[in-house]
Amino acid sequence: MSDTIAHILISIGVLFDLLGCVGLVRLPDVYNRLQAATKCVTLGTCMILIGVLVLVGFNALGIKAVICMVFVLLTSPTSAHALARGSHKAGVPLWPDSVTDKYKERKGAEK
């Protein structure tokens, strides 16, 4: 039973990773691409690692999967935020159909 649950979790994780990769190719600007990469790949990778944990249990490999999950959950959103902020400060334009630019609005209000 746990093998079936583990394989389902791993399959869902691979699907999310695949959708994140499709988002990297299909979305129009760097900010939307970062969103797809961060949300989908973080969730997908964590689901794969949870599936590995369910499959092998709490042995050395399972603990390594938990440690990797913690690192992915900490580093992926942080790096995406840094890349998006750096892109915005460097002047990378938003997609022309973007609705709002909250960072620019807040930056303009501070001046």
PDB file of N, CA and C in Angstrom:
ATOM      1  N   MET A   1       0.821  -1.203   0.000  1.00  0.00           N
ATOM      2  CA  MET A   1       0.000   0.000   0.000  1.00  0.00           C
ATOM      3  C   MET A   1       0.860   1.260   0.000  1.00  0.00           C
ATOM      4  N   SER A   2       1.914   1.264   0.838  1.00  0.00           N
ATOM      5  CA  SER A   2       2.767   2.449   0.884  1.00  0.00           C
ATOM      6  C   SER A   2       3.554   2.618  -0.416  1.00  0.00           C
ATOM      7  N   ASP A   3       3.861   1.502  -1.090  1.00  0.00           N
ATOM      8  CA  ASP A   3       4.532   1.609  -2.387  1.00  0.00           C
ATOM      9  C   ASP A   3       3.646   2.324  -3.397  1.00  0.00           C
ATOM     10  N   THR A   4       2.375   2.022  -3.395  1.00  0.00           N
ATOM     11  CA  THR A   4       1.435   2.668  -4.319  1.00  0.00           C
ATOM     12  C   THR A   4       1.333   4.160  -4.015  1.00  0.00           C
ATOM     13  N   ILE A   5       1.221   4.513  -2.746  1.00  0.00           N
ATOM     14  CA  ILE A   5       1.144   5.930  -2.368  1.00  0.00           C
ATOM     15  C   ILE A   5       2.429   6.655  -2.758  1.00  0.00           C
ATOM     16  N   ALA A   6       3.565   6.006  -2.531  1.00  0.00           N
ATOM     17  CA  ALA A   6       4.849   6.615  -2.890  1.00  0.00           C
ATOM     18  C   ALA A   6       4.943   6.848  -4.390  1.00  0.00           C
ATOM     19  N   HIS A   7       4.522   5.881  -5.178  1.00  0.00           N
ATOM     20  CA  HIS A   7       4.583   6.045  -6.635  1.00  0.00           C
ATOM     21  C   HIS A   7       3.617   7.124  -7.112  1.00  0.00           C
ATOM     22  N   ILE A   8       2.471   7.241  -6.465  1.00  0.00           N
ATOM     23  CA  ILE A   8       1.523   8.314  -6.816  1.00  0.00           C
ATOM     24  C   ILE A   8       2.129   9.675  -6.487  1.00  0.00           C
ATOM     25  N   LEU A   9       2.747   9.810  -5.312  1.00  0.00           N
ATOM     26  CA  LEU A   9       3.379  11.075  -4.936  1.00  0.00           C
ATOM     27  C   LEU A   9       4.518  11.434  -5.888  1.00  0.00           C
ATOM     28  N   ILE A  10       5.315  10.457  -6.240  1.00  0.00           N
ATOM     29  CA  ILE A  10       6.419  10.709  -7.174  1.00  0.00           C
ATOM     30  C   ILE A  10       5.877  11.096  -8.539  1.00  0.00           C
ATOM     31  N   SER A  11       4.815  10.451  -8.992  1.00  0.00           N
ATOM     32  CA  SER A  11       4.216  10.795 -10.287  1.00  0.00           C
ATOM     33  C   SER A  11       3.648  12.207 -10.283  1.00  0.00           C
ATOM     34  N   ILE A  12       2.985  12.587  -9.195  1.00  0.00           N
ATOM     35  CA  ILE A  12       2.454  13.951  -9.089  1.00  0.00           C
ATOM     36  C   ILE A  12       3.603  14.955  -9.089  1.00  0.00           C
ATOM     37  N   GLY A  13       4.683  14.634  -8.386  1.00  0.00           N
ATOM     38  CA  GLY A  13       5.848  15.522  -8.374  1.00  0.00           C
ATOM     39  C   GLY A  13       6.470  15.687  -9.740  1.00  0.00           C
ATOM     40  N   VAL A  14       6.580  14.601 -10.477  1.00  0.00           N
ATOM     41  CA  VAL A  14       7.126  14.685 -11.837  1.00  0.00           C
ATOM     42  C   VAL A  14       6.205  15.517 -12.732  1.00  0.00           C
ATOM     43  N   LEU A  15       4.904  15.370 -12.558  1.00  0.00           N
ATOM     44  CA  LEU A  15       3.947  16.164 -13.337  1.00  0.00           C
ATOM     45  C   LEU A  15       4.110  17.651 -13.040  1.00  0.00           C
ATOM     46  N   PHE A  16       4.242  18.007 -11.763  1.00  0.00           N
ATOM     47  CA  PHE A  16       4.438  19.414 -11.416  1.00  0.00           C
ATOM     48  C   PHE A  16       5.757  19.940 -11.973  1.00  0.00           C
ATOM     49  N   ASP A  17       6.821  19.148 -11.901  1.00  0.00           N
ATOM     50  CA  ASP A  17       8.095  19.564 -12.483  1.00  0.00           C
ATOM     51  C   ASP A  17       7.967  19.769 -13.991  1.00  0.00           C
ATOM     52  N   LEU A  18       7.242  18.887 -14.655  1.00  0.00           N
ATOM     53  CA  LEU A  18       7.022  19.025 -16.091  1.00  0.00           C
ATOM     54  C   LEU A  18       6.243  20.299 -16.409  1.00  0.00           C
ATOM     55  N   LEU A  19       5.208  20.582 -15.618  1.00  0.00           N
ATOM     56  CA  LEU A  19       4.435  21.812 -15.833  1.00  0.00           C
ATOM     57  C   LEU A  19       5.285  23.052 -15.593  1.00  0.00           C
ATOM     58  N   GLY A  20       6.178  22.998 -14.626  1.00  0.00           N
ATOM     59  CA  GLY A  20       7.092  24.113 -14.388  1.00  0.00           C
ATOM     60  C   GLY A  20       8.018  24.325 -15.570  1.00  0.00           C
ATOM     61  N   CYS A  21       8.488  23.249 -16.170  1.00  0.00           N
ATOM     62  CA  CYS A  21       9.351  23.366 -17.352  1.00  0.00           C
ATOM     63  C   CYS A  21       8.580  23.928 -18.541  1.00  0.00           C
ATOM     64  N   VAL A  22       7.341  23.502 -18.697  1.00  0.00           N
ATOM     65  CA  VAL A  22       6.508  24.052 -19.775  1.00  0.00           C
ATOM     66  C   VAL A  22       6.278  25.542 -19.542  1.00  0.00           C
ATOM     67  N   GLY A  23       6.074  25.938 -18.283  1.00  0.00           N
ATOM     68  CA  GLY A  23       5.904  27.348 -17.954  1.00  0.00           C
ATOM     69  C   GLY A  23       7.139  28.163 -18.275  1.00  0.00           C
ATOM     70  N   LEU A  24       8.315  27.585 -18.086  1.00  0.00           N
ATOM     71  CA  LEU A  24       9.548  28.299 -18.431  1.00  0.00           C
ATOM     72  C   LEU A  24       9.633  28.590 -19.919  1.00  0.00           C
ATOM     73  N   VAL A  25       9.091  27.708 -20.717  1.00  0.00           N
ATOM     74  CA  VAL A  25       9.161  27.884 -22.168  1.00  0.00           C
ATOM     75  C   VAL A  25       8.031  28.775 -22.681  1.00  0.00           C
ATOM     76  N   ARG A  26       6.843  28.632 -22.101  1.00  0.00           N
ATOM     77  CA  ARG A  26       5.652  29.264 -22.667  1.00  0.00           C
ATOM     78  C   ARG A  26       5.349  30.670 -22.145  1.00  0.00           C
ATOM     79  N   LEU A  27       5.739  30.990 -20.940  1.00  0.00           N
ATOM     80  CA  LEU A  27       5.336  32.265 -20.356  1.00  0.00           C
ATOM     81  C   LEU A  27       6.134  33.425 -20.941  1.00  0.00           C
ATOM     82  N   PRO A  28       5.558  34.643 -20.937  1.00  0.00           N
ATOM     83  CA  PRO A  28       6.084  35.721 -21.751  1.00  0.00           C
ATOM     84  C   PRO A  28       7.291  36.479 -21.203  1.00  0.00           C
ATOM     85  N   ASP A  29       7.447  36.633 -19.891  1.00  0.00           N
ATOM     86  CA  ASP A  29       8.570  37.426 -19.393  1.00  0.00           C
ATOM     87  C   ASP A  29       9.256  36.733 -18.235  1.00  0.00           C
ATOM     88  N   VAL A  30      10.354  37.326 -17.790  1.00  0.00           N
ATOM     89  CA  VAL A  30      11.179  36.687 -16.765  1.00  0.00           C
ATOM     90  C   VAL A  30      10.420  36.537 -15.453  1.00  0.00           C
ATOM     91  N   TYR A  31       9.539  37.452 -15.138  1.00  0.00           N
ATOM     92  CA  TYR A  31       8.824  37.412 -13.863  1.00  0.00           C
ATOM     93  C   TYR A  31       7.806  36.267 -13.836  1.00  0.00           C
ATOM     94  N   ASN A  32       7.081  36.099 -14.910  1.00  0.00           N
ATOM     95  CA  ASN A  32       6.139  34.974 -14.993  1.00  0.00           C
ATOM     96  C   ASN A  32       6.878  33.643 -15.040  1.00  0.00           C
ATOM     97  N   ARG A  33       8.006  33.617 -15.710  1.00  0.00           N
ATOM     98  CA  ARG A  33       8.791  32.385 -15.772  1.00  0.00           C
ATOM     99  C   ARG A  33       9.343  32.015 -14.401  1.00  0.00           C
ATOM    100  N   LEU A  34       9.774  33.012 -13.653  1.00  0.00           N
ATOM    101  CA  LEU A  34      10.246  32.742 -12.298  1.00  0.00           C
ATOM    102  C   LEU A  34       9.126  32.194 -11.431  1.00  0.00           C
ATOM    103  N   GLN A  35       7.936  32.720 -11.605  1.00  0.00           N
ATOM    104  CA  GLN A  35       6.790  32.224 -10.837  1.00  0.00           C
ATOM    105  C   GLN A  35       6.539  30.748 -11.144  1.00  0.00           C
ATOM    106  N   ALA A  36       6.537  30.420 -12.431  1.00  0.00           N
ATOM    107  CA  ALA A  36       6.297  29.021 -12.814  1.00  0.00           C
ATOM    108  C   ALA A  36       7.389  28.113 -12.271  1.00  0.00           C
ATOM    109  N   ALA A  37       8.618  28.563 -12.402  1.00  0.00           N
ATOM    110  CA  ALA A  37       9.727  27.734 -11.935  1.00  0.00           C
ATOM    111  C   ALA A  37       9.676  27.554 -10.430  1.00  0.00           C
ATOM    112  N   THR A  38       9.404  28.626  -9.716  1.00  0.00           N
ATOM    113  CA  THR A  38       9.433  28.541  -8.260  1.00  0.00           C
ATOM    114  C   THR A  38       8.280  27.714  -7.716  1.00  0.00           C
ATOM    115  N   LYS A  39       7.070  28.026  -8.127  1.00  0.00           N
ATOM    116  CA  LYS A  39       5.902  27.341  -7.558  1.00  0.00           C
ATOM    117  C   LYS A  39       5.872  25.869  -7.955  1.00  0.00           C
ATOM    118  N   CYS A  40       5.935  25.614  -9.247  1.00  0.00           N
ATOM    119  CA  CYS A  40       5.778  24.236  -9.722  1.00  0.00           C
ATOM    120  C   CYS A  40       6.960  23.357  -9.344  1.00  0.00           C
ATOM    121  N   VAL A  41       8.145  23.853  -9.540  1.00  0.00           N
ATOM    122  CA  VAL A  41       9.309  23.007  -9.305  1.00  0.00           C
ATOM    123  C   VAL A  41       9.523  22.781  -7.812  1.00  0.00           C
ATOM    124  N   THR A  42       9.241  23.786  -6.976  1.00  0.00           N
ATOM    125  CA  THR A  42       9.362  23.576  -5.532  1.00  0.00           C
ATOM    126  C   THR A  42       8.364  22.534  -5.061  1.00  0.00           C
ATOM    127  N   LEU A  43       7.120  22.678  -5.468  1.00  0.00           N
ATOM    128  CA  LEU A  43       6.106  21.701  -5.071  1.00  0.00           C
ATOM    129  C   LEU A  43       6.407  20.330  -5.665  1.00  0.00           C
ATOM    130  N   GLY A  44       6.783  20.286  -6.922  1.00  0.00           N
ATOM    131  CA  GLY A  44       7.071  19.012  -7.575  1.00  0.00           C
ATOM    132  C   GLY A  44       8.245  18.287  -6.951  1.00  0.00           C
ATOM    133  N   THR A  45       9.314  19.013  -6.672  1.00  0.00           N
ATOM    134  CA  THR A  45      10.486  18.393  -6.068  1.00  0.00           C
ATOM    135  C   THR A  45      10.182  17.906  -4.660  1.00  0.00           C
ATOM    136  N   CYS A  46       9.421  18.697  -3.905  1.00  0.00           N
ATOM    137  CA  CYS A  46       9.050  18.257  -2.553  1.00  0.00           C
ATOM    138  C   CYS A  46       8.140  17.031  -2.595  1.00  0.00           C
ATOM    139  N   MET A  47       7.246  16.965  -3.568  1.00  0.00           N
ATOM    140  CA  MET A  47       6.390  15.781  -3.685  1.00  0.00           C
ATOM    141  C   MET A  47       7.226  14.547  -4.028  1.00  0.00           C
ATOM    142  N   ILE A  48       8.201  14.696  -4.894  1.00  0.00           N
ATOM    143  CA  ILE A  48       9.083  13.571  -5.226  1.00  0.00           C
ATOM    144  C   ILE A  48       9.836  13.120  -3.981  1.00  0.00           C
ATOM    145  N   LEU A  49      10.341  14.065  -3.219  1.00  0.00           N
ATOM    146  CA  LEU A  49      11.097  13.712  -2.014  1.00  0.00           C
ATOM    147  C   LEU A  49      10.204  13.105  -0.937  1.00  0.00           C
ATOM    148  N   ILE A  50       8.952  13.569  -0.839  1.00  0.00           N
ATOM    149  CA  ILE A  50       8.006  12.939   0.089  1.00  0.00           C
ATOM    150  C   ILE A  50       7.722  11.508  -0.361  1.00  0.00           C
ATOM    151  N   GLY A  51       7.579  11.313  -1.665  1.00  0.00           N
ATOM    152  CA  GLY A  51       7.379   9.964  -2.187  1.00  0.00           C
ATOM    153  C   GLY A  51       8.546   9.051  -1.878  1.00  0.00           C
ATOM    154  N   VAL A  52       9.759   9.581  -1.987  1.00  0.00           N
ATOM    155  CA  VAL A  52      10.944   8.796  -1.635  1.00  0.00           C
ATOM    156  C   VAL A  52      10.925   8.451  -0.152  1.00  0.00           C
ATOM    157  N   LEU A  53      10.542   9.425   0.678  1.00  0.00           N
ATOM    158  CA  LEU A  53      10.465   9.178   2.117  1.00  0.00           C
ATOM    159  C   LEU A  53       9.443   8.089   2.443  1.00  0.00           C
ATOM    160  N   VAL A  54       8.287   8.139   1.798  1.00  0.00           N
ATOM    161  CA  VAL A  54       7.267   7.115   2.025  1.00  0.00           C
ATOM    162  C   VAL A  54       7.759   5.758   1.513  1.00  0.00           C
ATOM    163  N   LEU A  55       8.474   5.762   0.426  1.00  0.00           N
ATOM    164  CA  LEU A  55       8.953   4.514  -0.175  1.00  0.00           C
ATOM    165  C   LEU A  55      10.023   3.834   0.684  1.00  0.00           C
ATOM    166  N   VAL A  56      10.978   4.606   1.182  1.00  0.00           N
ATOM    167  CA  VAL A  56      12.104   3.981   1.894  1.00  0.00           C
ATOM    168  C   VAL A  56      11.973   4.041   3.410  1.00  0.00           C
ATOM    169  N   GLY A  57      11.126   4.916   3.939  1.00  0.00           N
ATOM    170  CA  GLY A  57      10.974   5.028   5.387  1.00  0.00           C
ATOM    171  C   GLY A  57      12.030   5.937   5.991  1.00  0.00           C
ATOM    172  N   PHE A  58      12.092   5.932   7.321  1.00  0.00           N
ATOM    173  CA  PHE A  58      13.040   6.794   8.026  1.00  0.00           C
ATOM    174  C   PHE A  58      14.377   6.101   8.236  1.00  0.00           C
ATOM    175  N   ASN A  59      15.071   5.879   7.148  1.00  0.00           N
ATOM    176  CA  ASN A  59      16.445   5.396   7.236  1.00  0.00           C
ATOM    177  C   ASN A  59      17.349   6.525   6.740  1.00  0.00           C
ATOM    178  N   ALA A  60      18.578   6.226   6.402  1.00  0.00           N
ATOM    179  CA  ALA A  60      19.520   7.269   5.983  1.00  0.00           C
ATOM    180  C   ALA A  60      19.022   8.001   4.733  1.00  0.00           C
ATOM    181  N   LEU A  61      18.484   7.269   3.780  1.00  0.00           N
ATOM    182  CA  LEU A  61      17.990   7.895   2.552  1.00  0.00           C
ATOM    183  C   LEU A  61      16.764   8.763   2.827  1.00  0.00           C
ATOM    184  N   GLY A  62      15.875   8.304   3.690  1.00  0.00           N
ATOM    185  CA  GLY A  62      14.687   9.081   4.025  1.00  0.00           C
ATOM    186  C   GLY A  62      15.036  10.382   4.727  1.00  0.00           C
ATOM    187  N   ILE A  63      16.011  10.334   5.628  1.00  0.00           N
ATOM    188  CA  ILE A  63      16.432  11.549   6.323  1.00  0.00           C
ATOM    189  C   ILE A  63      17.103  12.511   5.353  1.00  0.00           C
ATOM    190  N   LYS A  64      17.858  11.994   4.415  1.00  0.00           N
ATOM    191  CA  LYS A  64      18.459  12.850   3.387  1.00  0.00           C
ATOM    192  C   LYS A  64      17.384  13.507   2.531  1.00  0.00           C
ATOM    193  N   ALA A  65      16.296  12.795   2.249  1.00  0.00           N
ATOM    194  CA  ALA A  65      15.188  13.375   1.485  1.00  0.00           C
ATOM    195  C   ALA A  65      14.546  14.517   2.256  1.00  0.00           C
ATOM    196  N   VAL A  66      14.379  14.355   3.574  1.00  0.00           N
ATOM    197  CA  VAL A  66      13.805  15.419   4.401  1.00  0.00           C
ATOM    198  C   VAL A  66      14.732  16.636   4.420  1.00  0.00           C
ATOM    199  N   ILE A  67      16.022  16.406   4.558  1.00  0.00           N
ATOM    200  CA  ILE A  67      16.985  17.508   4.553  1.00  0.00           C
ATOM    201  C   ILE A  67      16.950  18.237   3.214  1.00  0.00           C
ATOM    202  N   CYS A  68      16.885  17.494   2.127  1.00  0.00           N
ATOM    203  CA  CYS A  68      16.796  18.116   0.798  1.00  0.00           C
ATOM    204  C   CYS A  68      15.513  18.929   0.651  1.00  0.00           C
ATOM    205  N   MET A  69      14.401  18.428   1.202  1.00  0.00           N
ATOM    206  CA  MET A  69      13.142  19.188   1.159  1.00  0.00           C
ATOM    207  C   MET A  69      13.286  20.520   1.864  1.00  0.00           C
ATOM    208  N   VAL A  70      13.914  20.507   3.026  1.00  0.00           N
ATOM    209  CA  VAL A  70      14.115  21.752   3.771  1.00  0.00           C
ATOM    210  C   VAL A  70      14.946  22.734   2.949  1.00  0.00           C
ATOM    211  N   PHE A  71      16.026  22.260   2.344  1.00  0.00           N
ATOM    212  CA  PHE A  71      16.861  23.138   1.547  1.00  0.00           C
ATOM    213  C   PHE A  71      16.120  23.678   0.325  1.00  0.00           C
ATOM    214  N   VAL A  72      15.341  22.847  -0.332  1.00  0.00           N
ATOM    215  CA  VAL A  72      14.570  23.306  -1.496  1.00  0.00           C
ATOM    216  C   VAL A  72      13.540  24.349  -1.077  1.00  0.00           C
ATOM    217  N   LEU A  73      12.855  24.104   0.043  1.00  0.00           N
ATOM    218  CA  LEU A  73      11.841  25.043   0.512  1.00  0.00           C
ATOM    219  C   LEU A  73      12.444  26.370   0.953  1.00  0.00           C
ATOM    220  N   LEU A  74      13.682  26.375   1.406  1.00  0.00           N
ATOM    221  CA  LEU A  74      14.324  27.616   1.815  1.00  0.00           C
ATOM    222  C   LEU A  74      14.977  28.356   0.653  1.00  0.00           C
ATOM    223  N   THR A  75      15.630  27.632  -0.225  1.00  0.00           N
ATOM    224  CA  THR A  75      16.437  28.292  -1.247  1.00  0.00           C
ATOM    225  C   THR A  75      15.673  28.673  -2.506  1.00  0.00           C
ATOM    226  N   SER A  76      14.706  27.891  -2.903  1.00  0.00           N
ATOM    227  CA  SER A  76      14.012  28.175  -4.159  1.00  0.00           C
ATOM    228  C   SER A  76      13.232  29.492  -4.127  1.00  0.00           C
ATOM    229  N   PRO A  77      12.372  29.741  -3.138  1.00  0.00           N
ATOM    230  CA  PRO A  77      11.679  31.032  -3.117  1.00  0.00           C
ATOM    231  C   PRO A  77      12.623  32.211  -2.891  1.00  0.00           C
ATOM    232  N   THR A  78      13.656  32.004  -2.077  1.00  0.00           N
ATOM    233  CA  THR A  78      14.606  33.084  -1.809  1.00  0.00           C
ATOM    234  C   THR A  78      15.366  33.464  -3.068  1.00  0.00           C
ATOM    235  N   SER A  79      15.825  32.488  -3.803  1.00  0.00           N
ATOM    236  CA  SER A  79      16.571  32.786  -5.028  1.00  0.00           C
ATOM    237  C   SER A  79      15.667  33.390  -6.099  1.00  0.00           C
ATOM    238  N   ALA A  80      14.435  32.936  -6.187  1.00  0.00           N
ATOM    239  CA  ALA A  80      13.513  33.512  -7.170  1.00  0.00           C
ATOM    240  C   ALA A  80      13.215  34.972  -6.835  1.00  0.00           C
ATOM    241  N   HIS A  81      13.050  35.269  -5.554  1.00  0.00           N
ATOM    242  CA  HIS A  81      12.821  36.657  -5.144  1.00  0.00           C
ATOM    243  C   HIS A  81      14.035  37.523  -5.485  1.00  0.00           C
ATOM    244  N   ALA A  82      15.234  37.016  -5.215  1.00  0.00           N
ATOM    245  CA  ALA A  82      16.444  37.776  -5.521  1.00  0.00           C
ATOM    246  C   ALA A  82      16.591  38.002  -7.026  1.00  0.00           C
ATOM    247  N   LEU A  83      16.296  36.984  -7.819  1.00  0.00           N
ATOM    248  CA  LEU A  83      16.383  37.137  -9.269  1.00  0.00           C
ATOM    249  C   LEU A  83      15.350  38.135  -9.796  1.00  0.00           C
ATOM    250  N   ALA A  84      14.127  38.068  -9.263  1.00  0.00           N
ATOM    251  CA  ALA A  84      13.090  38.991  -9.722  1.00  0.00           C
ATOM    252  C   ALA A  84      13.417  40.420  -9.330  1.00  0.00           C
ATOM    253  N   ARG A  85      13.884  40.619  -8.111  1.00  0.00           N
ATOM    254  CA  ARG A  85      14.222  41.973  -7.678  1.00  0.00           C
ATOM    255  C   ARG A  85      15.426  42.511  -8.457  1.00  0.00           C
ATOM    256  N   GLY A  86      16.420  41.669  -8.681  1.00  0.00           N
ATOM    257  CA  GLY A  86      17.570  42.084  -9.477  1.00  0.00           C
ATOM    258  C   GLY A  86      17.185  42.408 -10.917  1.00  0.00           C
ATOM    259  N   SER A  87      16.284  41.626 -11.481  1.00  0.00           N
ATOM    260  CA  SER A  87      15.814  41.904 -12.843  1.00  0.00           C
ATOM    261  C   SER A  87      15.072  43.222 -12.902  1.00  0.00           C
ATOM    262  N   HIS A  88      14.253  43.478 -11.893  1.00  0.00           N
ATOM    263  CA  HIS A  88      13.488  44.724 -11.871  1.00  0.00           C
ATOM    264  C   HIS A  88      14.415  45.922 -11.709  1.00  0.00           C
ATOM    265  N   LYS A  89      15.388  45.804 -10.830  1.00  0.00           N
ATOM    266  CA  LYS A  89      16.334  46.905 -10.628  1.00  0.00           C
ATOM    267  C   LYS A  89      17.214  47.126 -11.851  1.00  0.00           C
ATOM    268  N   ALA A  90      17.487  46.060 -12.600  1.00  0.00           N
ATOM    269  CA  ALA A  90      18.297  46.182 -13.817  1.00  0.00           C
ATOM    270  C   ALA A  90      17.500  46.753 -14.981  1.00  0.00           C
ATOM    271  N   GLY A  91      16.177  46.875 -14.809  1.00  0.00           N
ATOM    272  CA  GLY A  91      15.357  47.473 -15.848  1.00  0.00           C
ATOM    273  C   GLY A  91      14.753  46.498 -16.827  1.00  0.00           C
ATOM    274  N   VAL A  92      14.704  45.228 -16.478  1.00  0.00           N
ATOM    275  CA  VAL A  92      14.065  44.255 -17.358  1.00  0.00           C
ATOM    276  C   VAL A  92      12.566  44.568 -17.383  1.00  0.00           C
ATOM    277  N   PRO A  93      12.016  44.835 -18.563  1.00  0.00           N
ATOM    278  CA  PRO A  93      10.612  45.251 -18.614  1.00  0.00           C
ATOM    279  C   PRO A  93       9.644  44.104 -18.326  1.00  0.00           C
ATOM    280  N   LEU A  94       8.489  44.495 -17.781  1.00  0.00           N
ATOM    281  CA  LEU A  94       7.414  43.538 -17.591  1.00  0.00           C
ATOM    282  C   LEU A  94       6.770  43.258 -18.934  1.00  0.00           C
ATOM    283  N   TRP A  95       6.015  42.195 -18.992  1.00  0.00           N
ATOM    284  CA  TRP A  95       5.223  41.879 -20.171  1.00  0.00           C
ATOM    285  C   TRP A  95       4.264  43.045 -20.410  1.00  0.00           C
ATOM    286  N   PRO A  96       4.072  43.493 -21.651  1.00  0.00           N
ATOM    287  CA  PRO A  96       3.216  44.661 -21.909  1.00  0.00           C
ATOM    288  C   PRO A  96       1.781  44.520 -21.390  1.00  0.00           C
ATOM    289  N   ASP A  97       1.257  43.304 -21.294  1.00  0.00           N
ATOM    290  CA  ASP A  97      -0.104  43.119 -20.796  1.00  0.00           C
ATOM    291  C   ASP A  97      -0.165  42.927 -19.283  1.00  0.00           C
ATOM    292  N   SER A  98       0.944  43.183 -18.575  1.00  0.00           N
ATOM    293  CA  SER A  98       0.920  43.080 -17.119  1.00  0.00           C
ATOM    294  C   SER A  98      -0.015  44.135 -16.547  1.00  0.00           C
ATOM    295  N   VAL A  99      -0.727  43.774 -15.505  1.00  0.00           N
ATOM    296  CA  VAL A  99      -1.748  44.658 -14.951  1.00  0.00           C
ATOM    297  C   VAL A  99      -1.144  45.709 -14.035  1.00  0.00           C
ATOM    298  N   THR A 100      -0.213  45.315 -13.166  1.00  0.00           N
ATOM    299  CA  THR A 100       0.324  46.254 -12.195  1.00  0.00           C
ATOM    300  C   THR A 100       1.772  45.936 -11.868  1.00  0.00           C
ATOM    301  N   ASP A 101       2.463  46.940 -11.389  1.00  0.00           N
ATOM    302  CA  ASP A 101       3.847  46.800 -10.954  1.00  0.00           C
ATOM    303  C   ASP A 101       3.934  47.381  -9.541  1.00  0.00           C
ATOM    304  N   LYS A 102       3.672  46.568  -8.550  1.00  0.00           N
ATOM    305  CA  LYS A 102       3.624  47.028  -7.159  1.00  0.00           C
ATOM    306  C   LYS A 102       4.973  47.561  -6.686  1.00  0.00           C
ATOM    307  N   TYR A 103       6.062  46.964  -7.130  1.00  0.00           N
ATOM    308  CA  TYR A 103       7.379  47.418  -6.706  1.00  0.00           C
ATOM    309  C   TYR A 103       7.640  48.836  -7.211  1.00  0.00           C
ATOM    310  N   LYS A 104       7.281  49.104  -8.446  1.00  0.00           N
ATOM    311  CA  LYS A 104       7.469  50.437  -9.009  1.00  0.00           C
ATOM    312  C   LYS A 104       6.552  51.451  -8.326  1.00  0.00           C
ATOM    313  N   GLU A 105       5.319  51.028  -8.030  1.00  0.00           N
ATOM    314  CA  GLU A 105       4.384  51.920  -7.339  1.00  0.00           C
ATOM    315  C   GLU A 105       4.920  52.281  -5.947  1.00  0.00           C
ATOM    316  N   ARG A 106       5.421  51.299  -5.209  1.00  0.00           N
ATOM    317  CA  ARG A 106       5.940  51.563  -3.876  1.00  0.00           C
ATOM    318  C   ARG A 106       7.204  52.396  -3.940  1.00  0.00           C
ATOM    319  N   LYS A 107       8.047  52.138  -4.919  1.00  0.00           N
ATOM    320  CA  LYS A 107       9.273  52.878  -5.090  1.00  0.00           C
ATOM    321  C   LYS A 107       8.983  54.339  -5.437  1.00  0.00           C
ATOM    322  N   GLY A 108       7.943  54.556  -6.269  1.00  0.00           N
ATOM    323  CA  GLY A 108       7.550  55.924  -6.626  1.00  0.00           C
ATOM    324  C   GLY A 108       6.958  56.680  -5.464  1.00  0.00           C
ATOM    325  N   ALA A 109       6.265  55.999  -4.556  1.00  0.00           N
ATOM    326  CA  ALA A 109       5.646  56.647  -3.400  1.00  0.00           C
ATOM    327  C   ALA A 109       6.689  57.056  -2.364  1.00  0.00           C
ATOM    328  N   GLU A 110       7.830  56.376  -2.333  1.00  0.00           N
ATOM    329  CA  GLU A 110       8.882  56.699  -1.363  1.00  0.00           C
ATOM    330  C   GLU A 110       9.652  57.952  -1.734  1.00  0.00           C
ATOM    331  N   LYS A 111       9.651  58.315  -2.993  1.00  0.00           N
ATOM    332  CA  LYS A 111      10.434  59.483  -3.450  1.00  0.00           C
ATOM    333  C   LYS A 111       9.763  60.770  -3.093  1.00  0.00           C
TER     334      LYS A 111
END
